[in-house]
Amino acid sequence: MEDFQQENFQIATIVVVIAIILICMGYLLVFVNPQIALNPFKPPLPTRTPIAALPPTWTPTPTNTPTNTPTPTPTETPTSTPTVTPIPTETVIPTATRRPATATRRPPTAIPAPSFTYQTFLIECKHSGGTYIEGYVTNAGGEEAGVRVRFGSAAGSNEIETQITGSNRSPGYYLFVLNANGSRPGTYYVWVVDANGKAISDPNAGRVTTNTIRNSDDPSACWRAVVSFGRR
């Protein structure tokens, strides 16, 4: 008997559990879809609320404004201009104009070169044991004694020494010793002067340039120069 009661109790328990599950499922379905047929208290359906329509806004319609079309002005018809016929004029024949005589230009007057009493002759310049400048002063009769010969480092100036012919070897001979042994390179001048020291021969013509070339066969060697003067 006791076993039968326990079995009935178990069956009742199962039925209650199944009923609870079914009730929960019914609540779930009603919650998800309130309009389901199982819901005895369906909520009312929402009614459509009319929305007040606003009157349309007035949009101005563009009006075509007539434009002022200019009336074309009539073009004047050009009138022909009468052509004036030129009156022929008499052609004047030009006459040849005589050119004035061109004055002949006179050539410039030549400035005469300074006239010197003595003419200079550069005879030679060659190698020697020392450096010398020597020569003779002559006139129409031969060697001329008593003539002043000047030696300097510039043409007509920078006097180094003055000699009078006739003091050495012969009446018209003169000698300037630049270096008795060896060379003395440089540019020197010899010229004749009067008693007042004025040049009476061309100082530039008596130019001598010595050097240090020791080869006696070299024609460019210049240690011993011979410069003579002749009265005109």
C-alpha atoms as a PDB file:
ATOM      1  CA  MET A   1       0.000   0.000   0.000  1.00  0.00           C
ATOM      2  CA  GLU A   2       2.793   2.322   0.935  1.00  0.00           C
ATOM      3  CA  ASP A   3       4.528   1.653  -2.396  1.00  0.00           C
ATOM      4  CA  PHE A   4       1.384   2.573  -4.281  1.00  0.00           C
ATOM      5  CA  GLN A   5       1.170   5.920  -2.521  1.00  0.00           C
ATOM      6  CA  GLN A   6       4.751   6.729  -3.316  1.00  0.00           C
ATOM      7  CA  GLU A   7       4.199   5.902  -6.968  1.00  0.00           C
ATOM      8  CA  ASN A   8       1.158   8.143  -7.148  1.00  0.00           C
ATOM      9  CA  PHE A   9       3.098  10.941  -5.476  1.00  0.00           C
ATOM     10  CA  GLN A  10       5.836  10.679  -8.057  1.00  0.00           C
ATOM     11  CA  ILE A  11       3.328  10.798 -10.915  1.00  0.00           C
ATOM     12  CA  ALA A  12       1.681  13.866  -9.431  1.00  0.00           C
ATOM     13  CA  THR A  13       5.042  15.549  -9.086  1.00  0.00           C
ATOM     14  CA  ILE A  14       5.853  14.931 -12.713  1.00  0.00           C
ATOM     15  CA  VAL A  15       2.501  16.305 -13.788  1.00  0.00           C
ATOM     16  CA  VAL A  16       3.022  19.462 -11.728  1.00  0.00           C
ATOM     17  CA  VAL A  17       6.491  20.005 -13.178  1.00  0.00           C
ATOM     18  CA  ILE A  18       5.160  19.576 -16.723  1.00  0.00           C
ATOM     19  CA  ALA A  19       2.343  22.002 -15.996  1.00  0.00           C
ATOM     20  CA  ILE A  20       4.776  24.571 -14.656  1.00  0.00           C
ATOM     21  CA  ILE A  21       6.911  24.237 -17.770  1.00  0.00           C
ATOM     22  CA  LEU A  22       3.916  24.671 -20.027  1.00  0.00           C
ATOM     23  CA  ILE A  23       2.744  27.727 -18.090  1.00  0.00           C
ATOM     24  CA  CYS A  24       6.221  29.300 -18.331  1.00  0.00           C
ATOM     25  CA  MET A  25       6.304  28.650 -22.064  1.00  0.00           C
ATOM     26  CA  GLY A  26       2.865  30.245 -22.415  1.00  0.00           C
ATOM     27  CA  TYR A  27       4.030  33.374 -20.542  1.00  0.00           C
ATOM     28  CA  LEU A  28       7.099  33.516 -22.727  1.00  0.00           C
ATOM     29  CA  LEU A  29       5.038  33.338 -25.912  1.00  0.00           C
ATOM     30  CA  VAL A  30       2.644  36.042 -24.669  1.00  0.00           C
ATOM     31  CA  PHE A  31       5.601  38.259 -23.731  1.00  0.00           C
ATOM     32  CA  VAL A  32       7.180  37.832 -27.113  1.00  0.00           C
ATOM     33  CA  ASN A  33       3.946  38.288 -29.111  1.00  0.00           C
ATOM     34  CA  PRO A  34       1.085  39.817 -27.120  1.00  0.00           C
ATOM     35  CA  GLN A  35      -1.311  39.279 -30.087  1.00  0.00           C
ATOM     36  CA  ILE A  36      -0.934  35.476 -29.889  1.00  0.00           C
ATOM     37  CA  ALA A  37      -4.170  33.476 -29.689  1.00  0.00           C
ATOM     38  CA  LEU A  38      -3.265  32.098 -26.266  1.00  0.00           C
ATOM     39  CA  ASN A  39      -3.424  35.622 -24.728  1.00  0.00           C
ATOM     40  CA  PRO A  40      -6.955  36.272 -23.418  1.00  0.00           C
ATOM     41  CA  PHE A  41      -6.059  39.934 -22.703  1.00  0.00           C
ATOM     42  CA  LYS A  42      -4.655  41.164 -25.979  1.00  0.00           C
ATOM     43  CA  PRO A  43      -3.551  44.822 -25.922  1.00  0.00           C
ATOM     44  CA  PRO A  44      -5.373  47.206 -28.295  1.00  0.00           C
ATOM     45  CA  LEU A  45      -3.757  47.762 -31.662  1.00  0.00           C
ATOM     46  CA  PRO A  46      -2.138  51.233 -32.146  1.00  0.00           C
ATOM     47  CA  THR A  47      -4.280  53.667 -34.108  1.00  0.00           C
ATOM     48  CA  ARG A  48      -2.832  55.920 -36.808  1.00  0.00           C
ATOM     49  CA  THR A  49      -2.508  59.500 -35.585  1.00  0.00           C
ATOM     50  CA  PRO A  50      -3.078  61.981 -38.416  1.00  0.00           C
ATOM     51  CA  ILE A  51      -0.245  64.481 -38.883  1.00  0.00           C
ATOM     52  CA  ALA A  52      -1.242  68.046 -39.586  1.00  0.00           C
ATOM     53  CA  ALA A  53      -0.103  68.941 -43.082  1.00  0.00           C
ATOM     54  CA  LEU A  54       1.548  72.337 -43.429  1.00  0.00           C
ATOM     55  CA  PRO A  55       0.516  74.491 -46.349  1.00  0.00           C
ATOM     56  CA  PRO A  56       3.100  74.512 -49.116  1.00  0.00           C
ATOM     57  CA  THR A  57       5.576  77.422 -49.143  1.00  0.00           C
ATOM     58  CA  TRP A  58       5.062  79.893 -51.972  1.00  0.00           C
ATOM     59  CA  THR A  59       7.961  79.908 -54.392  1.00  0.00           C
ATOM     60  CA  PRO A  60       8.208  82.949 -56.617  1.00  0.00           C
ATOM     61  CA  THR A  61       8.056  82.102 -60.261  1.00  0.00           C
ATOM     62  CA  PRO A  62      10.716  83.948 -62.321  1.00  0.00           C
ATOM     63  CA  THR A  63       9.208  86.276 -64.848  1.00  0.00           C
ATOM     64  CA  ASN A  64      11.036  86.939 -68.078  1.00  0.00           C
ATOM     65  CA  THR A  65      11.712  90.677 -68.180  1.00  0.00           C
ATOM     66  CA  PRO A  66      11.788  91.887 -71.747  1.00  0.00           C
ATOM     67  CA  THR A  67      15.188  93.337 -72.698  1.00  0.00           C
ATOM     68  CA  ASN A  68      15.511  96.517 -74.651  1.00  0.00           C
ATOM     69  CA  THR A  69      16.682  95.533 -78.115  1.00  0.00           C
ATOM     70  CA  PRO A  70      18.417  98.482 -79.803  1.00  0.00           C
ATOM     71  CA  THR A  71      16.971  99.447 -83.111  1.00  0.00           C
ATOM     72  CA  PRO A  72      19.671  99.293 -85.798  1.00  0.00           C
ATOM     73  CA  THR A  73      20.697 102.697 -87.098  1.00  0.00           C
ATOM     74  CA  PRO A  74      20.656 102.972 -90.855  1.00  0.00           C
ATOM     75  CA  THR A  75      24.160 103.215 -92.340  1.00  0.00           C
ATOM     76  CA  GLU A  76      24.826 106.227 -94.490  1.00  0.00           C
ATOM     77  CA  THR A  77      25.615 105.469 -98.061  1.00  0.00           C
ATOM     78  CA  PRO A  78      29.101 106.858 -98.872  1.00  0.00           C
ATOM     79  CA  THR A  79      29.098 109.528-101.467  1.00  0.00           C
ATOM     80  CA  SER A  80      31.783 109.542-104.104  1.00  0.00           C
ATOM     81  CA  THR A  81      34.474 112.188-103.624  1.00  0.00           C
ATOM     82  CA  PRO A  82      35.352 114.033-106.798  1.00  0.00           C
ATOM     83  CA  THR A  83      38.930 113.337-107.896  1.00  0.00           C
ATOM     84  CA  VAL A  84      41.026 116.441-108.435  1.00  0.00           C
ATOM     85  CA  THR A  85      43.251 116.132-111.459  1.00  0.00           C
ATOM     86  CA  PRO A  86      46.681 117.600-110.640  1.00  0.00           C
ATOM     87  CA  ILE A  87      47.861 120.390-112.858  1.00  0.00           C
ATOM     88  CA  PRO A  88      51.205 119.490-114.436  1.00  0.00           C
ATOM     89  CA  THR A  89      54.016 121.684-113.160  1.00  0.00           C
ATOM     90  CA  GLU A  90      57.036 122.693-115.091  1.00  0.00           C
ATOM     91  CA  THR A  91      60.075 120.606-114.206  1.00  0.00           C
ATOM     92  CA  VAL A  92      63.044 122.725-113.290  1.00  0.00           C
ATOM     93  CA  ILE A  93      66.283 121.274-114.625  1.00  0.00           C
ATOM     94  CA  PRO A  94      68.980 121.743-111.984  1.00  0.00           C
ATOM     95  CA  THR A  95      72.118 123.413-113.099  1.00  0.00           C
ATOM     96  CA  ALA A  96      75.476 122.104-112.071  1.00  0.00           C
ATOM     97  CA  THR A  97      76.947 124.063-109.207  1.00  0.00           C
ATOM     98  CA  ARG A  98      80.616 124.716-109.486  1.00  0.00           C
ATOM     99  CA  ARG A  99      82.506 123.367-106.557  1.00  0.00           C
ATOM    100  CA  PRO A 100      84.718 125.799-104.783  1.00  0.00           C
ATOM    101  CA  ALA A 101      88.328 125.178-105.366  1.00  0.00           C
ATOM    102  CA  THR A 102      89.837 123.053-102.597  1.00  0.00           C
ATOM    103  CA  ALA A 103      92.682 124.779-100.965  1.00  0.00           C
ATOM    104  CA  THR A 104      95.846 122.738-101.130  1.00  0.00           C
ATOM    105  CA  ARG A 105      97.076 122.017 -97.652  1.00  0.00           C
ATOM    106  CA  ARG A 106     100.654 122.860 -97.100  1.00  0.00           C
ATOM    107  CA  PRO A 107     102.667 120.025 -95.623  1.00  0.00           C
ATOM    108  CA  PRO A 108     103.842 120.651 -92.081  1.00  0.00           C
ATOM    109  CA  THR A 109     107.208 122.192 -91.821  1.00  0.00           C
ATOM    110  CA  ALA A 110     109.725 119.521 -90.945  1.00  0.00           C
ATOM    111  CA  ILE A 111     111.649 120.212 -87.791  1.00  0.00           C
ATOM    112  CA  PRO A 112     115.283 119.953 -88.710  1.00  0.00           C
ATOM    113  CA  ALA A 113     117.267 117.391 -86.794  1.00  0.00           C
ATOM    114  CA  PRO A 114     119.895 118.865 -84.529  1.00  0.00           C
ATOM    115  CA  SER A 115     123.086 119.351 -86.451  1.00  0.00           C
ATOM    116  CA  PHE A 116     126.169 117.954 -84.733  1.00  0.00           C
ATOM    117  CA  THR A 117     129.740 118.918 -85.544  1.00  0.00           C
ATOM    118  CA  TYR A 118     130.977 115.326 -85.339  1.00  0.00           C
ATOM    119  CA  GLN A 119     129.508 112.171 -86.824  1.00  0.00           C
ATOM    120  CA  THR A 120     129.627 108.959 -84.766  1.00  0.00           C
ATOM    121  CA  PHE A 121     130.887 105.613 -86.119  1.00  0.00           C
ATOM    122  CA  LEU A 122     130.508 102.388 -84.141  1.00  0.00           C
ATOM    123  CA  ILE A 123     133.365 100.368 -85.599  1.00  0.00           C
ATOM    124  CA  GLU A 124     133.189  97.079 -83.669  1.00  0.00           C
ATOM    125  CA  CYS A 125     132.695  95.356 -80.306  1.00  0.00           C
ATOM    126  CA  LYS A 126     134.233  91.960 -79.532  1.00  0.00           C
ATOM    127  CA  HIS A 127     135.642  89.757 -76.780  1.00  0.00           C
ATOM    128  CA  SER A 128     138.771  90.863 -74.905  1.00  0.00           C
ATOM    129  CA  GLY A 129     140.586  90.260 -71.637  1.00  0.00           C
ATOM    130  CA  GLY A 130     139.054  93.412 -70.126  1.00  0.00           C
ATOM    131  CA  THR A 131     136.193  95.825 -70.806  1.00  0.00           C
ATOM    132  CA  TYR A 132     137.102  98.997 -72.742  1.00  0.00           C
ATOM    133  CA  ILE A 133     135.651 101.714 -74.974  1.00  0.00           C
ATOM    134  CA  GLU A 134     138.188 103.351 -77.275  1.00  0.00           C
ATOM    135  CA  GLY A 135     138.429 105.119 -80.627  1.00  0.00           C
ATOM    136  CA  TYR A 136     139.694 108.087 -82.621  1.00  0.00           C
ATOM    137  CA  VAL A 137     138.577 111.626 -83.403  1.00  0.00           C
ATOM    138  CA  THR A 138     139.470 112.757 -86.905  1.00  0.00           C
ATOM    139  CA  ASN A 139     139.019 115.690 -89.260  1.00  0.00           C
ATOM    140  CA  ALA A 140     139.871 116.324 -92.891  1.00  0.00           C
ATOM    141  CA  GLY A 141     143.581 116.433 -92.042  1.00  0.00           C
ATOM    142  CA  GLY A 142     143.694 113.214 -89.969  1.00  0.00           C
ATOM    143  CA  GLU A 143     143.558 112.608 -86.218  1.00  0.00           C
ATOM    144  CA  GLU A 144     142.457 115.607 -84.177  1.00  0.00           C
ATOM    145  CA  ALA A 145     143.977 116.301 -80.785  1.00  0.00           C
ATOM    146  CA  GLY A 146     142.474 118.346 -77.955  1.00  0.00           C
ATOM    147  CA  VAL A 147     138.870 117.109 -78.461  1.00  0.00           C
ATOM    148  CA  ARG A 148     136.791 116.336 -75.350  1.00  0.00           C
ATOM    149  CA  VAL A 149     135.150 112.865 -75.378  1.00  0.00           C
ATOM    150  CA  ARG A 150     132.652 112.162 -72.589  1.00  0.00           C
ATOM    151  CA  PHE A 151     131.633 108.773 -71.163  1.00  0.00           C
ATOM    152  CA  GLY A 152     128.337 108.285 -69.250  1.00  0.00           C
ATOM    153  CA  SER A 153     125.584 105.828 -68.284  1.00  0.00           C
ATOM    154  CA  ALA A 154     122.830 107.782 -70.098  1.00  0.00           C
ATOM    155  CA  ALA A 155     122.622 109.542 -73.444  1.00  0.00           C
ATOM    156  CA  GLY A 156     124.011 113.050 -72.922  1.00  0.00           C
ATOM    157  CA  SER A 157     123.971 112.810 -69.097  1.00  0.00           C
ATOM    158  CA  ASN A 158     125.162 110.833 -66.077  1.00  0.00           C
ATOM    159  CA  GLU A 159     128.795 111.622 -66.834  1.00  0.00           C
ATOM    160  CA  ILE A 160     131.314 109.107 -65.555  1.00  0.00           C
ATOM    161  CA  GLU A 161     134.519 110.426 -67.137  1.00  0.00           C
ATOM    162  CA  THR A 162     135.781 112.915 -69.771  1.00  0.00           C
ATOM    163  CA  GLN A 163     139.034 112.542 -71.727  1.00  0.00           C
ATOM    164  CA  ILE A 164     140.881 114.823 -74.167  1.00  0.00           C
ATOM    165  CA  THR A 165     142.330 113.251 -77.297  1.00  0.00           C
ATOM    166  CA  GLY A 166     146.118 113.244 -77.667  1.00  0.00           C
ATOM    167  CA  SER A 167     146.740 112.167 -74.072  1.00  0.00           C
ATOM    168  CA  ASN A 168     147.463 108.550 -75.050  1.00  0.00           C
ATOM    169  CA  ARG A 169     148.713 106.561 -77.997  1.00  0.00           C
ATOM    170  CA  SER A 170     148.197 109.069 -80.834  1.00  0.00           C
ATOM    171  CA  PRO A 171     146.846 112.639 -81.346  1.00  0.00           C
ATOM    172  CA  GLY A 172     143.212 111.631 -81.922  1.00  0.00           C
ATOM    173  CA  TYR A 173     143.047 108.553 -79.685  1.00  0.00           C
ATOM    174  CA  TYR A 174     140.966 108.180 -76.495  1.00  0.00           C
ATOM    175  CA  LEU A 175     140.432 105.235 -74.090  1.00  0.00           C
ATOM    176  CA  PHE A 176     137.953 104.486 -71.257  1.00  0.00           C
ATOM    177  CA  VAL A 177     138.790 101.469 -69.085  1.00  0.00           C
ATOM    178  CA  LEU A 178     135.612  99.967 -67.590  1.00  0.00           C
ATOM    179  CA  ASN A 179     137.348  96.887 -66.141  1.00  0.00           C
ATOM    180  CA  ALA A 180     140.994  96.040 -66.791  1.00  0.00           C
ATOM    181  CA  ASN A 181     140.436  92.323 -66.118  1.00  0.00           C
ATOM    182  CA  GLY A 182     137.106  90.687 -66.880  1.00  0.00           C
ATOM    183  CA  SER A 183     133.722  91.857 -68.029  1.00  0.00           C
ATOM    184  CA  ARG A 184     131.601  94.785 -66.886  1.00  0.00           C
ATOM    185  CA  PRO A 185     128.187  94.320 -68.488  1.00  0.00           C
ATOM    186  CA  GLY A 186     125.980  97.348 -68.996  1.00  0.00           C
ATOM    187  CA  THR A 187     124.824 100.031 -71.425  1.00  0.00           C
ATOM    188  CA  TYR A 188     127.078 103.066 -71.828  1.00  0.00           C
ATOM    189  CA  TYR A 189     127.338 106.136 -74.074  1.00  0.00           C
ATOM    190  CA  VAL A 190     130.264 108.148 -75.507  1.00  0.00           C
ATOM    191  CA  TRP A 191     129.921 111.542 -77.224  1.00  0.00           C
ATOM    192  CA  VAL A 192     131.968 114.650 -78.056  1.00  0.00           C
ATOM    193  CA  VAL A 193     131.386 117.900 -76.117  1.00  0.00           C
ATOM    194  CA  ASP A 194     132.632 121.442 -76.529  1.00  0.00           C
ATOM    195  CA  ALA A 195     134.391 123.543 -73.914  1.00  0.00           C
ATOM    196  CA  ASN A 196     131.019 124.344 -72.280  1.00  0.00           C
ATOM    197  CA  GLY A 197     130.010 120.663 -72.035  1.00  0.00           C
ATOM    198  CA  LYS A 198     127.439 120.873 -74.839  1.00  0.00           C
ATOM    199  CA  ALA A 199     127.127 117.738 -76.975  1.00  0.00           C
ATOM    200  CA  ILE A 200     128.535 118.264 -80.477  1.00  0.00           C
ATOM    201  CA  SER A 201     127.991 114.626 -81.513  1.00  0.00           C
ATOM    202  CA  ASP A 202     124.827 112.512 -81.188  1.00  0.00           C
ATOM    203  CA  PRO A 203     124.934 110.861 -77.730  1.00  0.00           C
ATOM    204  CA  ASN A 204     122.478 108.134 -78.781  1.00  0.00           C
ATOM    205  CA  ALA A 205     124.694 107.129 -81.699  1.00  0.00           C
ATOM    206  CA  GLY A 206     127.539 106.336 -79.292  1.00  0.00           C
ATOM    207  CA  ARG A 207     125.554 103.644 -77.427  1.00  0.00           C
ATOM    208  CA  VAL A 208     127.512 100.531 -76.393  1.00  0.00           C
ATOM    209  CA  THR A 209     126.083  97.489 -74.550  1.00  0.00           C
ATOM    210  CA  THR A 210     128.699  95.195 -73.039  1.00  0.00           C
ATOM    211  CA  ASN A 211     128.035  91.633 -71.830  1.00  0.00           C
ATOM    212  CA  THR A 212     129.664  88.612 -70.178  1.00  0.00           C
ATOM    213  CA  ILE A 213     129.982  86.281 -73.190  1.00  0.00           C
ATOM    214  CA  ARG A 214     133.450  84.667 -72.887  1.00  0.00           C
ATOM    215  CA  ASN A 215     133.517  82.816 -76.195  1.00  0.00           C
ATOM    216  CA  SER A 216     135.795  84.862 -78.427  1.00  0.00           C
ATOM    217  CA  ASP A 217     134.331  83.192 -81.508  1.00  0.00           C
ATOM    218  CA  ASP A 218     130.815  84.367 -80.619  1.00  0.00           C
ATOM    219  CA  PRO A 219     130.043  87.503 -82.671  1.00  0.00           C
ATOM    220  CA  SER A 220     127.623  88.627 -79.931  1.00  0.00           C
ATOM    221  CA  ALA A 221     130.445  88.970 -77.392  1.00  0.00           C
ATOM    222  CA  CYS A 222     131.030  92.638 -76.529  1.00  0.00           C
ATOM    223  CA  TRP A 223     133.860  93.539 -74.141  1.00  0.00           C
ATOM    224  CA  ARG A 224     136.056  95.899 -76.202  1.00  0.00           C
ATOM    225  CA  ALA A 225     134.182  98.510 -78.254  1.00  0.00           C
ATOM    226  CA  VAL A 226     135.671 100.882 -80.831  1.00  0.00           C
ATOM    227  CA  VAL A 227     133.696 104.131 -81.374  1.00  0.00           C
ATOM    228  CA  SER A 228     135.214 106.877 -83.539  1.00  0.00           C
ATOM    229  CA  PHE A 229     134.123 110.429 -84.403  1.00  0.00           C
ATOM    230  CA  GLY A 230     134.705 112.370 -87.630  1.00  0.00           C
ATOM    231  CA  ARG A 231     134.317 116.128 -88.056  1.00  0.00           C
ATOM    232  CA  ARG A 232     131.780 116.964 -90.764  1.00  0.00           C
END
